């Protein structure tokens, strides 16, 4: 039996060369496309595959909880990005 998931995700779209990358930290998945529209379409398809596979394996809740999702009044809440630093600098001495 199919289950319905009604979720909202923060998705970042990045440009890398001539490709657009759609990424969501809440599911830690990404995909790409030749333009933003294609990247978003492919991301939606990937999310569907993600849930189909975790449901098939019986690991949906285990995977989501491992990614920081929480149960709240019978629904699931994804982790929220509170801050994104665009100019975060780190000096790495290797």
C-alpha atoms as a PDB file:
ATOM      1  CA  UNK A   1       0.000   0.000   0.000  1.00  0.00           C
ATOM      2  CA  UNK A   2       1.351   3.422  -0.971  1.00  0.00           C
ATOM      3  CA  UNK A   3       1.780   6.073   1.704  1.00  0.00           C
ATOM      4  CA  UNK A   4       1.451   9.785   1.087  1.00  0.00           C
ATOM      5  CA  UNK A   5       4.068  12.157   2.425  1.00  0.00           C
ATOM      6  CA  UNK A   6       3.243  15.859   2.455  1.00  0.00           C
ATOM      7  CA  UNK A   7       6.498  17.573   3.298  1.00  0.00           C
ATOM      8  CA  UNK A   8       8.099  20.949   2.828  1.00  0.00           C
ATOM      9  CA  UNK A   9      11.821  21.083   2.208  1.00  0.00           C
ATOM     10  CA  UNK A  10      14.375  23.844   1.931  1.00  0.00           C
ATOM     11  CA  UNK A  11      16.144  23.251  -1.364  1.00  0.00           C
ATOM     12  CA  UNK A  12      19.229  25.198  -2.383  1.00  0.00           C
ATOM     13  CA  UNK A  13      19.971  25.592  -6.072  1.00  0.00           C
ATOM     14  CA  UNK A  14      23.634  26.166  -6.835  1.00  0.00           C
ATOM     15  CA  UNK A  15      25.327  26.825 -10.142  1.00  0.00           C
ATOM     16  CA  UNK A  16      28.404  24.738 -10.834  1.00  0.00           C
ATOM     17  CA  UNK A  17      29.900  25.334 -14.271  1.00  0.00           C
ATOM     18  CA  UNK A  18      27.083  24.973 -16.759  1.00  0.00           C
ATOM     19  CA  UNK A  19      24.943  22.795 -14.425  1.00  0.00           C
ATOM     20  CA  UNK A  20      22.465  23.675 -11.685  1.00  0.00           C
ATOM     21  CA  UNK A  21      22.560  21.596  -8.508  1.00  0.00           C
ATOM     22  CA  UNK A  22      19.439  21.171  -6.336  1.00  0.00           C
ATOM     23  CA  UNK A  23      20.332  20.122  -2.769  1.00  0.00           C
ATOM     24  CA  UNK A  24      18.386  19.648   0.438  1.00  0.00           C
ATOM     25  CA  UNK A  25      20.227  19.270   3.735  1.00  0.00           C
ATOM     26  CA  UNK A  26      17.047  17.852   5.312  1.00  0.00           C
ATOM     27  CA  UNK A  27      17.373  14.687   3.200  1.00  0.00           C
ATOM     28  CA  UNK A  28      21.063  15.086   2.331  1.00  0.00           C
ATOM     29  CA  UNK A  29      20.384  14.438  -1.351  1.00  0.00           C
ATOM     30  CA  UNK A  30      21.130  16.372  -4.501  1.00  0.00           C
ATOM     31  CA  UNK A  31      20.763  16.174  -8.262  1.00  0.00           C
ATOM     32  CA  UNK A  32      21.525  18.406 -11.210  1.00  0.00           C
ATOM     33  CA  UNK A  33      20.056  19.752 -14.415  1.00  0.00           C
ATOM     34  CA  UNK A  34      20.970  21.943 -17.355  1.00  0.00           C
ATOM     35  CA  UNK A  35      18.737  24.707 -15.959  1.00  0.00           C
ATOM     36  CA  UNK A  36      16.939  25.512 -12.710  1.00  0.00           C
ATOM     37  CA  UNK A  37      13.614  24.076 -13.883  1.00  0.00           C
ATOM     38  CA  UNK A  38      15.208  20.755 -14.844  1.00  0.00           C
ATOM     39  CA  UNK A  39      17.185  20.578 -11.585  1.00  0.00           C
ATOM     40  CA  UNK A  40      13.991  21.110  -9.550  1.00  0.00           C
ATOM     41  CA  UNK A  41      12.055  18.546 -11.614  1.00  0.00           C
ATOM     42  CA  UNK A  42      14.793  15.971 -11.193  1.00  0.00           C
ATOM     43  CA  UNK A  43      14.995  16.772  -7.468  1.00  0.00           C
ATOM     44  CA  UNK A  44      11.254  16.096  -7.075  1.00  0.00           C
ATOM     45  CA  UNK A  45      11.712  12.758  -8.831  1.00  0.00           C
ATOM     46  CA  UNK A  46      14.666  11.938  -6.584  1.00  0.00           C
ATOM     47  CA  UNK A  47      12.663  12.680  -3.433  1.00  0.00           C
ATOM     48  CA  UNK A  48       9.956  10.292  -4.648  1.00  0.00           C
ATOM     49  CA  UNK A  49      12.567   7.583  -5.261  1.00  0.00           C
ATOM     50  CA  UNK A  50      14.120   8.286  -1.831  1.00  0.00           C
ATOM     51  CA  UNK A  51      10.807   7.633  -0.073  1.00  0.00           C
ATOM     52  CA  UNK A  52       9.874   4.655  -2.278  1.00  0.00           C
ATOM     53  CA  UNK A  53      13.181   2.958  -1.461  1.00  0.00           C
ATOM     54  CA  UNK A  54      13.165   3.689   2.272  1.00  0.00           C
ATOM     55  CA  UNK A  55       9.552   2.481   2.490  1.00  0.00           C
ATOM     56  CA  UNK A  56      10.400  -0.667   0.512  1.00  0.00           C
ATOM     57  CA  UNK A  57      13.282  -1.345   2.923  1.00  0.00           C
ATOM     58  CA  UNK A  58      11.209  -0.452   5.994  1.00  0.00           C
ATOM     59  CA  UNK A  59      13.755   2.177   7.036  1.00  0.00           C
ATOM     60  CA  UNK A  60      11.961   5.480   6.429  1.00  0.00           C
ATOM     61  CA  UNK A  61      11.700   6.548  10.066  1.00  0.00           C
ATOM     62  CA  UNK A  62      15.180   5.299  10.904  1.00  0.00           C
ATOM     63  CA  UNK A  63      16.709   7.251   8.013  1.00  0.00           C
ATOM     64  CA  UNK A  64      14.714  10.428   8.716  1.00  0.00           C
ATOM     65  CA  UNK A  65      15.493  10.373  12.437  1.00  0.00           C
ATOM     66  CA  UNK A  66      19.167   9.843  11.556  1.00  0.00           C
ATOM     67  CA  UNK A  67      18.947  13.032   9.475  1.00  0.00           C
ATOM     68  CA  UNK A  68      17.510  14.992  12.433  1.00  0.00           C
ATOM     69  CA  UNK A  69      13.777  14.791  11.684  1.00  0.00           C
ATOM     70  CA  UNK A  70      11.439  14.872  14.708  1.00  0.00           C
ATOM     71  CA  UNK A  71       7.908  13.660  15.352  1.00  0.00           C
ATOM     72  CA  UNK A  72       5.539  16.439  16.416  1.00  0.00           C
ATOM     73  CA  UNK A  73       1.812  15.858  17.048  1.00  0.00           C
ATOM     74  CA  UNK A  74       1.682  12.935  14.616  1.00  0.00           C
ATOM     75  CA  UNK A  75       3.578  14.711  11.851  1.00  0.00           C
ATOM     76  CA  UNK A  76       7.229  14.872  10.913  1.00  0.00           C
ATOM     77  CA  UNK A  77       9.291  18.034  11.106  1.00  0.00           C
ATOM     78  CA  UNK A  78      12.466  18.373   9.094  1.00  0.00           C
ATOM     79  CA  UNK A  79      15.547  20.035  10.534  1.00  0.00           C
ATOM     80  CA  UNK A  80      15.676  23.742   9.737  1.00  0.00           C
ATOM     81  CA  UNK A  81      18.680  25.712   8.537  1.00  0.00           C
ATOM     82  CA  UNK A  82      18.770  28.769  10.790  1.00  0.00           C
ATOM     83  CA  UNK A  83      21.713  30.496   9.214  1.00  0.00           C
ATOM     84  CA  UNK A  84      23.646  30.227   6.016  1.00  0.00           C
ATOM     85  CA  UNK A  85      27.022  31.941   5.879  1.00  0.00           C
ATOM     86  CA  UNK A  86      27.985  32.787   2.325  1.00  0.00           C
ATOM     87  CA  UNK A  87      31.448  34.081   3.227  1.00  0.00           C
ATOM     88  CA  UNK A  88      32.423  31.651   5.972  1.00  0.00           C
ATOM     89  CA  UNK A  89      36.219  31.375   6.034  1.00  0.00           C
ATOM     90  CA  UNK A  90      38.354  28.607   7.447  1.00  0.00           C
ATOM     91  CA  UNK A  91      42.113  28.305   7.403  1.00  0.00           C
ATOM     92  CA  UNK A  92      43.183  24.699   7.000  1.00  0.00           C
ATOM     93  CA  UNK A  93      46.779  23.862   7.721  1.00  0.00           C
ATOM     94  CA  UNK A  94      47.511  20.460   6.192  1.00  0.00           C
END
